[in-house]
Amino acid sequence: MGDSRIPRSHKALLALLVAYLAMPFDLIPDFIPVVGQLDDALLVGLTVRYVLKKSGPGLVREHWPGPPESLRVMLRLAGA
């Protein structure tokens, strides 16, 4: 979030995602089996994919705290 090379719109999108996940209510309530958690997972996946694709693999590699194998998986899933 502190990197000035990442557009404010991407930071805002990630902040909105965190706020949505922290809210006590969802579009589809979590007590509905499978579908309740699926909307959260889908929203996280789409948001992370968008930010990863738009930021570029170089910037993501620079900030990635985990092992290189998991980074390769994330970039492949994001299509970056």
C-alpha atoms as a PDB file:
ATOM      1  CA  MET A   1       0.000   0.000   0.000  1.00  0.00           C
ATOM      2  CA  GLY A   2       2.951   2.332   0.521  1.00  0.00           C
ATOM      3  CA  ASP A   3       4.414   1.895  -2.975  1.00  0.00           C
ATOM      4  CA  SER A   4       3.778   5.000  -5.083  1.00  0.00           C
ATOM      5  CA  ARG A   5       4.051   2.988  -8.321  1.00  0.00           C
ATOM      6  CA  ILE A   6       0.768   1.236  -7.551  1.00  0.00           C
ATOM      7  CA  PRO A   7      -2.203   3.340  -8.680  1.00  0.00           C
ATOM      8  CA  ARG A   8      -4.538   4.712  -6.037  1.00  0.00           C
ATOM      9  CA  SER A   9      -7.446   2.989  -7.747  1.00  0.00           C
ATOM     10  CA  HIS A  10      -5.851  -0.422  -7.094  1.00  0.00           C
ATOM     11  CA  LYS A  11      -5.213   0.480  -3.469  1.00  0.00           C
ATOM     12  CA  ALA A  12      -8.804   1.664  -3.106  1.00  0.00           C
ATOM     13  CA  LEU A  13     -10.078  -1.557  -4.661  1.00  0.00           C
ATOM     14  CA  LEU A  14      -8.080  -3.636  -2.175  1.00  0.00           C
ATOM     15  CA  ALA A  15      -9.291  -1.464   0.713  1.00  0.00           C
ATOM     16  CA  LEU A  16     -12.902  -1.944  -0.423  1.00  0.00           C
ATOM     17  CA  LEU A  17     -12.341  -5.685  -0.593  1.00  0.00           C
ATOM     18  CA  VAL A  18     -11.004  -5.772   2.967  1.00  0.00           C
ATOM     19  CA  ALA A  19     -13.932  -3.639   4.159  1.00  0.00           C
ATOM     20  CA  TYR A  20     -16.437  -5.930   2.442  1.00  0.00           C
ATOM     21  CA  LEU A  21     -14.856  -9.020   3.984  1.00  0.00           C
ATOM     22  CA  ALA A  22     -14.886  -7.385   7.434  1.00  0.00           C
ATOM     23  CA  MET A  23     -18.579  -6.423   7.274  1.00  0.00           C
ATOM     24  CA  PRO A  24     -20.952  -8.681   9.191  1.00  0.00           C
ATOM     25  CA  PHE A  25     -23.298  -9.089   6.216  1.00  0.00           C
ATOM     26  CA  ASP A  26     -22.696 -10.415   2.693  1.00  0.00           C
ATOM     27  CA  LEU A  27     -24.465 -10.429  -0.639  1.00  0.00           C
ATOM     28  CA  ILE A  28     -25.148 -14.116   0.018  1.00  0.00           C
ATOM     29  CA  PRO A  29     -25.277 -15.024   3.750  1.00  0.00           C
ATOM     30  CA  ASP A  30     -22.526 -17.367   4.959  1.00  0.00           C
ATOM     31  CA  PHE A  31     -24.994 -19.730   6.632  1.00  0.00           C
ATOM     32  CA  ILE A  32     -26.079 -20.974   3.183  1.00  0.00           C
ATOM     33  CA  PRO A  33     -23.822 -23.999   2.591  1.00  0.00           C
ATOM     34  CA  VAL A  34     -21.088 -23.643  -0.048  1.00  0.00           C
ATOM     35  CA  VAL A  35     -22.629 -20.655  -1.856  1.00  0.00           C
ATOM     36  CA  GLY A  36     -22.280 -18.442   1.226  1.00  0.00           C
ATOM     37  CA  GLN A  37     -18.493 -18.703   1.218  1.00  0.00           C
ATOM     38  CA  LEU A  38     -18.236 -18.913  -2.553  1.00  0.00           C
ATOM     39  CA  ASP A  39     -19.202 -15.282  -3.114  1.00  0.00           C
ATOM     40  CA  ASP A  40     -16.386 -14.138  -0.803  1.00  0.00           C
ATOM     41  CA  ALA A  41     -13.845 -16.422  -2.489  1.00  0.00           C
ATOM     42  CA  LEU A  42     -14.932 -15.298  -5.955  1.00  0.00           C
ATOM     43  CA  LEU A  43     -14.694 -11.632  -5.034  1.00  0.00           C
ATOM     44  CA  VAL A  44     -11.219 -12.099  -3.531  1.00  0.00           C
ATOM     45  CA  GLY A  45     -10.048 -14.067  -6.572  1.00  0.00           C
ATOM     46  CA  LEU A  46     -11.304 -11.524  -9.098  1.00  0.00           C
ATOM     47  CA  THR A  47      -9.886  -8.566  -7.183  1.00  0.00           C
ATOM     48  CA  VAL A  48      -6.468 -10.143  -6.652  1.00  0.00           C
ATOM     49  CA  ARG A  49      -6.348 -11.241 -10.304  1.00  0.00           C
ATOM     50  CA  TYR A  50      -7.166  -7.733 -11.521  1.00  0.00           C
ATOM     51  CA  VAL A  51      -4.549  -6.072  -9.303  1.00  0.00           C
ATOM     52  CA  LEU A  52      -1.870  -8.664 -10.168  1.00  0.00           C
ATOM     53  CA  LYS A  53      -2.479  -8.333 -13.906  1.00  0.00           C
ATOM     54  CA  LYS A  54      -2.509  -4.539 -13.883  1.00  0.00           C
ATOM     55  CA  SER A  55       0.488  -4.138 -11.559  1.00  0.00           C
ATOM     56  CA  GLY A  56       2.715  -6.402 -13.596  1.00  0.00           C
ATOM     57  CA  PRO A  57       4.808  -9.393 -12.571  1.00  0.00           C
ATOM     58  CA  GLY A  58       7.943  -7.359 -11.820  1.00  0.00           C
ATOM     59  CA  LEU A  59       6.284  -5.225  -9.172  1.00  0.00           C
ATOM     60  CA  VAL A  60       4.547  -8.236  -7.658  1.00  0.00           C
ATOM     61  CA  ARG A  61       7.860 -10.161  -7.491  1.00  0.00           C
ATOM     62  CA  GLU A  62       9.475  -7.234  -5.731  1.00  0.00           C
ATOM     63  CA  HIS A  63       6.870  -7.221  -2.941  1.00  0.00           C
ATOM     64  CA  TRP A  64       6.162 -10.973  -2.689  1.00  0.00           C
ATOM     65  CA  PRO A  65       7.041 -12.189   0.837  1.00  0.00           C
ATOM     66  CA  GLY A  66       6.561 -15.899   0.200  1.00  0.00           C
ATOM     67  CA  PRO A  67       8.426 -18.606  -1.663  1.00  0.00           C
ATOM     68  CA  PRO A  68       8.953 -18.278  -5.435  1.00  0.00           C
ATOM     69  CA  GLU A  69       6.861 -21.395  -6.117  1.00  0.00           C
ATOM     70  CA  SER A  70       3.722 -19.814  -4.667  1.00  0.00           C
ATOM     71  CA  LEU A  71       4.411 -16.615  -6.591  1.00  0.00           C
ATOM     72  CA  ARG A  72       4.558 -18.584  -9.842  1.00  0.00           C
ATOM     73  CA  VAL A  73       1.206 -20.168  -9.025  1.00  0.00           C
ATOM     74  CA  MET A  74      -0.386 -16.789  -8.228  1.00  0.00           C
ATOM     75  CA  LEU A  75       0.942 -15.175 -11.400  1.00  0.00           C
ATOM     76  CA  ARG A  76      -0.168 -18.131 -13.521  1.00  0.00           C
ATOM     77  CA  LEU A  77      -3.674 -18.050 -12.018  1.00  0.00           C
ATOM     78  CA  ALA A  78      -3.834 -14.302 -12.583  1.00  0.00           C
ATOM     79  CA  GLY A  79      -2.794 -14.695 -16.178  1.00  0.00           C
ATOM     80  CA  ALA A  80       0.115 -12.322 -15.700  1.00  0.00           C
END
